[in-house]
Amino acid sequence: MADPKKLRADANALVVELLQRLGGEGVQELEVRRGPLRVRVSKDGARAGAHALEPIAAAGAAGSEASARTDYATVNAPLTGLFYRSPSPQAPAFIQVGSQVDQGDVIGLIEAMKLFNEIRSTASGKVRRIIVENGQLVRAHQPIIELE
């Protein structure tokens, strides 16, 4: 597991670098992923939460109706920690895009304070999108998956 102090220092350095680049004319938003780190900075901090979590590729897609729709149900993280899609690195993921989930099904694990907590779906439906990557830090109430 990565050293939290090093990750924090790397994240701080990345933020400083991105803020300097954001000062450039015509630049509104930047996002960088380096290993387990994902940092996004924006000049218009008032963006809607759903849009702030969309991947960069989706933001650049030709405005299809599917990407414009924002009323999909989401399953949100109940606590802050590291999200894992499977019980171990060798095991298959609990869910995939296209999987059918029922309310109460396990969709992943969140590691918090060295304890692994099962994350259960709060809604039923077909998995449209997995918003959080394996091993990524999630905050409480942050969307994890989107359901149709």
C-alpha atoms as a PDB file:
ATOM      1  CA  MET A   1       0.000   0.000   0.000  1.00  0.00           C
ATOM      2  CA  ALA A   2       1.246   3.517  -0.827  1.00  0.00           C
ATOM      3  CA  ASP A   3       2.620   5.792   1.873  1.00  0.00           C
ATOM      4  CA  PRO A   4      -0.125   8.331   2.751  1.00  0.00           C
ATOM      5  CA  LYS A   5       2.403  11.112   3.441  1.00  0.00           C
ATOM      6  CA  LYS A   6       4.000  10.648   0.029  1.00  0.00           C
ATOM      7  CA  LEU A   7       0.597  10.553  -1.668  1.00  0.00           C
ATOM      8  CA  ARG A   8      -0.406  13.771   0.101  1.00  0.00           C
ATOM      9  CA  ALA A   9       2.855  15.482  -0.917  1.00  0.00           C
ATOM     10  CA  ASP A  10       2.454  14.280  -4.513  1.00  0.00           C
ATOM     11  CA  ALA A  11      -1.155  15.501  -4.567  1.00  0.00           C
ATOM     12  CA  ASN A  12      -0.161  18.909  -3.198  1.00  0.00           C
ATOM     13  CA  ALA A  13       2.583  19.263  -5.817  1.00  0.00           C
ATOM     14  CA  LEU A  14       0.111  18.284  -8.535  1.00  0.00           C
ATOM     15  CA  VAL A  15      -2.434  20.850  -7.341  1.00  0.00           C
ATOM     16  CA  VAL A  16       0.177  23.625  -7.366  1.00  0.00           C
ATOM     17  CA  GLU A  17       1.235  22.651 -10.902  1.00  0.00           C
ATOM     18  CA  LEU A  18      -2.374  22.519 -12.132  1.00  0.00           C
ATOM     19  CA  LEU A  19      -3.258  25.864 -10.568  1.00  0.00           C
ATOM     20  CA  GLN A  20      -0.288  27.457 -12.324  1.00  0.00           C
ATOM     21  CA  ARG A  21      -1.430  25.980 -15.651  1.00  0.00           C
ATOM     22  CA  LEU A  22      -5.018  27.032 -14.953  1.00  0.00           C
ATOM     23  CA  GLY A  23      -3.829  30.648 -14.895  1.00  0.00           C
ATOM     24  CA  GLY A  24      -3.303  30.415 -18.653  1.00  0.00           C
ATOM     25  CA  GLU A  25      -5.718  32.242 -20.919  1.00  0.00           C
ATOM     26  CA  GLY A  26      -8.520  30.098 -22.325  1.00  0.00           C
ATOM     27  CA  VAL A  27      -8.019  27.295 -19.806  1.00  0.00           C
ATOM     28  CA  GLN A  28     -11.134  26.593 -17.721  1.00  0.00           C
ATOM     29  CA  GLU A  29     -10.454  23.162 -16.208  1.00  0.00           C
ATOM     30  CA  LEU A  30      -7.657  20.622 -15.903  1.00  0.00           C
ATOM     31  CA  GLU A  31      -7.584  17.049 -14.646  1.00  0.00           C
ATOM     32  CA  VAL A  32      -4.526  14.867 -14.222  1.00  0.00           C
ATOM     33  CA  ARG A  33      -4.203  11.241 -13.192  1.00  0.00           C
ATOM     34  CA  ARG A  34      -0.854   9.937 -12.035  1.00  0.00           C
ATOM     35  CA  GLY A  35      -0.940   6.461 -10.572  1.00  0.00           C
ATOM     36  CA  PRO A  36      -3.467   6.391  -7.733  1.00  0.00           C
ATOM     37  CA  LEU A  37      -3.822  10.198  -7.736  1.00  0.00           C
ATOM     38  CA  ARG A  38      -6.573  12.046  -9.571  1.00  0.00           C
ATOM     39  CA  VAL A  39      -6.629  15.828  -9.273  1.00  0.00           C
ATOM     40  CA  ARG A  40      -9.082  18.212 -10.949  1.00  0.00           C
ATOM     41  CA  VAL A  41      -9.011  22.005 -10.762  1.00  0.00           C
ATOM     42  CA  SER A  42     -11.535  24.370 -12.293  1.00  0.00           C
ATOM     43  CA  LYS A  43     -11.956  28.127 -12.623  1.00  0.00           C
ATOM     44  CA  ASP A  44     -15.719  27.809 -12.195  1.00  0.00           C
ATOM     45  CA  GLY A  45     -15.947  25.997  -8.871  1.00  0.00           C
ATOM     46  CA  ALA A  46     -19.755  26.165  -9.059  1.00  0.00           C
ATOM     47  CA  ARG A  47     -20.078  23.220 -11.453  1.00  0.00           C
ATOM     48  CA  ALA A  48     -22.806  20.716 -10.643  1.00  0.00           C
ATOM     49  CA  GLY A  49     -21.611  17.685  -8.668  1.00  0.00           C
ATOM     50  CA  ALA A  50     -22.791  15.173 -11.295  1.00  0.00           C
ATOM     51  CA  HIS A  51     -20.766  16.897 -13.995  1.00  0.00           C
ATOM     52  CA  ALA A  52     -17.680  17.119 -11.802  1.00  0.00           C
ATOM     53  CA  LEU A  53     -17.552  13.324 -11.574  1.00  0.00           C
ATOM     54  CA  GLU A  54     -17.858  12.586 -15.297  1.00  0.00           C
ATOM     55  CA  PRO A  55     -14.705  11.227 -16.915  1.00  0.00           C
ATOM     56  CA  ILE A  56     -12.819  13.533 -19.274  1.00  0.00           C
ATOM     57  CA  ALA A  57     -13.632  11.341 -22.269  1.00  0.00           C
ATOM     58  CA  ALA A  58     -17.367  11.702 -21.619  1.00  0.00           C
ATOM     59  CA  ALA A  59     -17.079  15.469 -21.400  1.00  0.00           C
ATOM     60  CA  GLY A  60     -15.520  15.557 -24.853  1.00  0.00           C
ATOM     61  CA  ALA A  61     -18.053  13.215 -26.438  1.00  0.00           C
ATOM     62  CA  ALA A  62     -20.347  14.572 -29.111  1.00  0.00           C
ATOM     63  CA  GLY A  63     -23.339  15.661 -26.978  1.00  0.00           C
ATOM     64  CA  SER A  64     -25.352  12.484 -27.228  1.00  0.00           C
ATOM     65  CA  GLU A  65     -28.637  12.221 -25.384  1.00  0.00           C
ATOM     66  CA  ALA A  66     -27.285   9.451 -23.145  1.00  0.00           C
ATOM     67  CA  SER A  67     -24.404  11.598 -21.842  1.00  0.00           C
ATOM     68  CA  ALA A  68     -26.696  14.621 -21.431  1.00  0.00           C
ATOM     69  CA  ARG A  69     -29.185  12.752 -19.264  1.00  0.00           C
ATOM     70  CA  THR A  70     -28.585  13.341 -15.564  1.00  0.00           C
ATOM     71  CA  ASP A  71     -31.551  11.585 -13.931  1.00  0.00           C
ATOM     72  CA  TYR A  72     -29.968   8.147 -13.597  1.00  0.00           C
ATOM     73  CA  ALA A  73     -30.084   6.596 -10.139  1.00  0.00           C
ATOM     74  CA  THR A  74     -26.731   6.381  -8.364  1.00  0.00           C
ATOM     75  CA  VAL A  75     -25.410   4.272  -5.532  1.00  0.00           C
ATOM     76  CA  ASN A  76     -23.331   6.494  -3.260  1.00  0.00           C
ATOM     77  CA  ALA A  77     -20.471   5.710  -0.903  1.00  0.00           C
ATOM     78  CA  PRO A  78     -21.732   5.494   2.679  1.00  0.00           C
ATOM     79  CA  LEU A  79     -18.281   6.382   4.094  1.00  0.00           C
ATOM     80  CA  THR A  80     -14.890   7.755   3.092  1.00  0.00           C
ATOM     81  CA  GLY A  81     -12.129   5.300   2.164  1.00  0.00           C
ATOM     82  CA  LEU A  82     -10.516   3.358  -0.683  1.00  0.00           C
ATOM     83  CA  PHE A  83     -12.978   1.681  -3.044  1.00  0.00           C
ATOM     84  CA  TYR A  84     -12.314  -1.825  -4.355  1.00  0.00           C
ATOM     85  CA  ARG A  85     -14.385  -3.555  -7.031  1.00  0.00           C
ATOM     86  CA  SER A  86     -13.428  -7.104  -5.957  1.00  0.00           C
ATOM     87  CA  PRO A  87     -12.671  -8.919  -2.689  1.00  0.00           C
ATOM     88  CA  SER A  88      -9.054  -9.569  -3.770  1.00  0.00           C
ATOM     89  CA  PRO A  89      -6.808  -8.678  -6.723  1.00  0.00           C
ATOM     90  CA  GLN A  90      -7.254 -12.183  -8.212  1.00  0.00           C
ATOM     91  CA  ALA A  91     -11.043 -12.344  -7.747  1.00  0.00           C
ATOM     92  CA  PRO A  92     -13.536 -11.116 -10.340  1.00  0.00           C
ATOM     93  CA  ALA A  93     -15.245  -7.767  -9.757  1.00  0.00           C
ATOM     94  CA  PHE A  94     -18.546  -7.774  -7.894  1.00  0.00           C
ATOM     95  CA  ILE A  95     -20.193  -5.915 -10.815  1.00  0.00           C
ATOM     96  CA  GLN A  96     -19.444  -4.853 -14.384  1.00  0.00           C
ATOM     97  CA  VAL A  97     -21.079  -2.343 -16.716  1.00  0.00           C
ATOM     98  CA  GLY A  98     -24.250  -4.078 -17.879  1.00  0.00           C
ATOM     99  CA  SER A  99     -24.643  -6.167 -14.702  1.00  0.00           C
ATOM    100  CA  GLN A 100     -28.098  -6.366 -13.161  1.00  0.00           C
ATOM    101  CA  VAL A 101     -28.068  -5.476  -9.456  1.00  0.00           C
ATOM    102  CA  ASP A 102     -30.814  -5.694  -6.885  1.00  0.00           C
ATOM    103  CA  GLN A 103     -31.163  -3.604  -3.786  1.00  0.00           C
ATOM    104  CA  GLY A 104     -28.875  -5.102  -1.127  1.00  0.00           C
ATOM    105  CA  ASP A 105     -26.405  -6.724  -3.560  1.00  0.00           C
ATOM    106  CA  VAL A 106     -22.710  -6.167  -2.763  1.00  0.00           C
ATOM    107  CA  ILE A 107     -21.188  -3.860  -5.386  1.00  0.00           C
ATOM    108  CA  GLY A 108     -17.753  -3.325  -3.834  1.00  0.00           C
ATOM    109  CA  LEU A 109     -15.697  -2.772  -0.710  1.00  0.00           C
ATOM    110  CA  ILE A 110     -14.490   0.385   0.990  1.00  0.00           C
ATOM    111  CA  GLU A 111     -11.400   0.156   3.151  1.00  0.00           C
ATOM    112  CA  ALA A 112     -11.531   2.601   6.032  1.00  0.00           C
ATOM    113  CA  MET A 113      -9.258   2.475   9.066  1.00  0.00           C
ATOM    114  CA  LYS A 114      -7.870  -0.912   7.925  1.00  0.00           C
ATOM    115  CA  LEU A 115     -11.367  -2.449   7.870  1.00  0.00           C
ATOM    116  CA  PHE A 116     -13.088  -3.611   4.692  1.00  0.00           C
ATOM    117  CA  ASN A 117     -16.761  -2.636   4.554  1.00  0.00           C
ATOM    118  CA  GLU A 118     -19.156  -4.264   2.078  1.00  0.00           C
ATOM    119  CA  ILE A 119     -20.950  -1.673  -0.017  1.00  0.00           C
ATOM    120  CA  ARG A 120     -24.473  -2.730  -0.899  1.00  0.00           C
ATOM    121  CA  SER A 121     -26.655  -1.299  -3.626  1.00  0.00           C
ATOM    122  CA  THR A 122     -29.381   1.027  -2.405  1.00  0.00           C
ATOM    123  CA  ALA A 123     -31.357   0.620  -5.636  1.00  0.00           C
ATOM    124  CA  SER A 124     -32.083  -1.979  -8.313  1.00  0.00           C
ATOM    125  CA  GLY A 125     -31.218  -1.659 -11.979  1.00  0.00           C
ATOM    126  CA  LYS A 126     -28.708  -2.294 -14.729  1.00  0.00           C
ATOM    127  CA  VAL A 127     -25.213  -0.835 -14.171  1.00  0.00           C
ATOM    128  CA  ARG A 128     -24.853   1.960 -16.717  1.00  0.00           C
ATOM    129  CA  ARG A 129     -21.514   3.319 -15.531  1.00  0.00           C
ATOM    130  CA  ILE A 130     -18.941   2.629 -12.824  1.00  0.00           C
ATOM    131  CA  ILE A 131     -17.829   6.081 -11.728  1.00  0.00           C
ATOM    132  CA  VAL A 132     -15.074   5.145  -9.256  1.00  0.00           C
ATOM    133  CA  GLU A 133     -11.934   3.300 -10.301  1.00  0.00           C
ATOM    134  CA  ASN A 134     -10.513   0.364  -8.366  1.00  0.00           C
ATOM    135  CA  GLY A 135      -8.294   1.586  -5.513  1.00  0.00           C
ATOM    136  CA  GLN A 136      -9.555   5.172  -5.762  1.00  0.00           C
ATOM    137  CA  LEU A 137     -10.308   7.277  -2.689  1.00  0.00           C
ATOM    138  CA  VAL A 138     -14.018   8.007  -2.343  1.00  0.00           C
ATOM    139  CA  ARG A 139     -15.680  10.487  -0.044  1.00  0.00           C
ATOM    140  CA  ALA A 140     -18.888   9.789   1.871  1.00  0.00           C
ATOM    141  CA  HIS A 141     -21.956  10.387  -0.346  1.00  0.00           C
ATOM    142  CA  GLN A 142     -19.881  10.381  -3.566  1.00  0.00           C
ATOM    143  CA  PRO A 143     -21.571   8.414  -6.398  1.00  0.00           C
ATOM    144  CA  ILE A 144     -19.950   5.029  -7.069  1.00  0.00           C
ATOM    145  CA  ILE A 145     -22.151   3.595  -9.817  1.00  0.00           C
ATOM    146  CA  GLU A 146     -24.934   4.816 -12.054  1.00  0.00           C
ATOM    147  CA  LEU A 147     -27.978   2.617 -12.726  1.00  0.00           C
ATOM    148  CA  GLU A 148     -30.539   2.588 -15.532  1.00  0.00           C
END
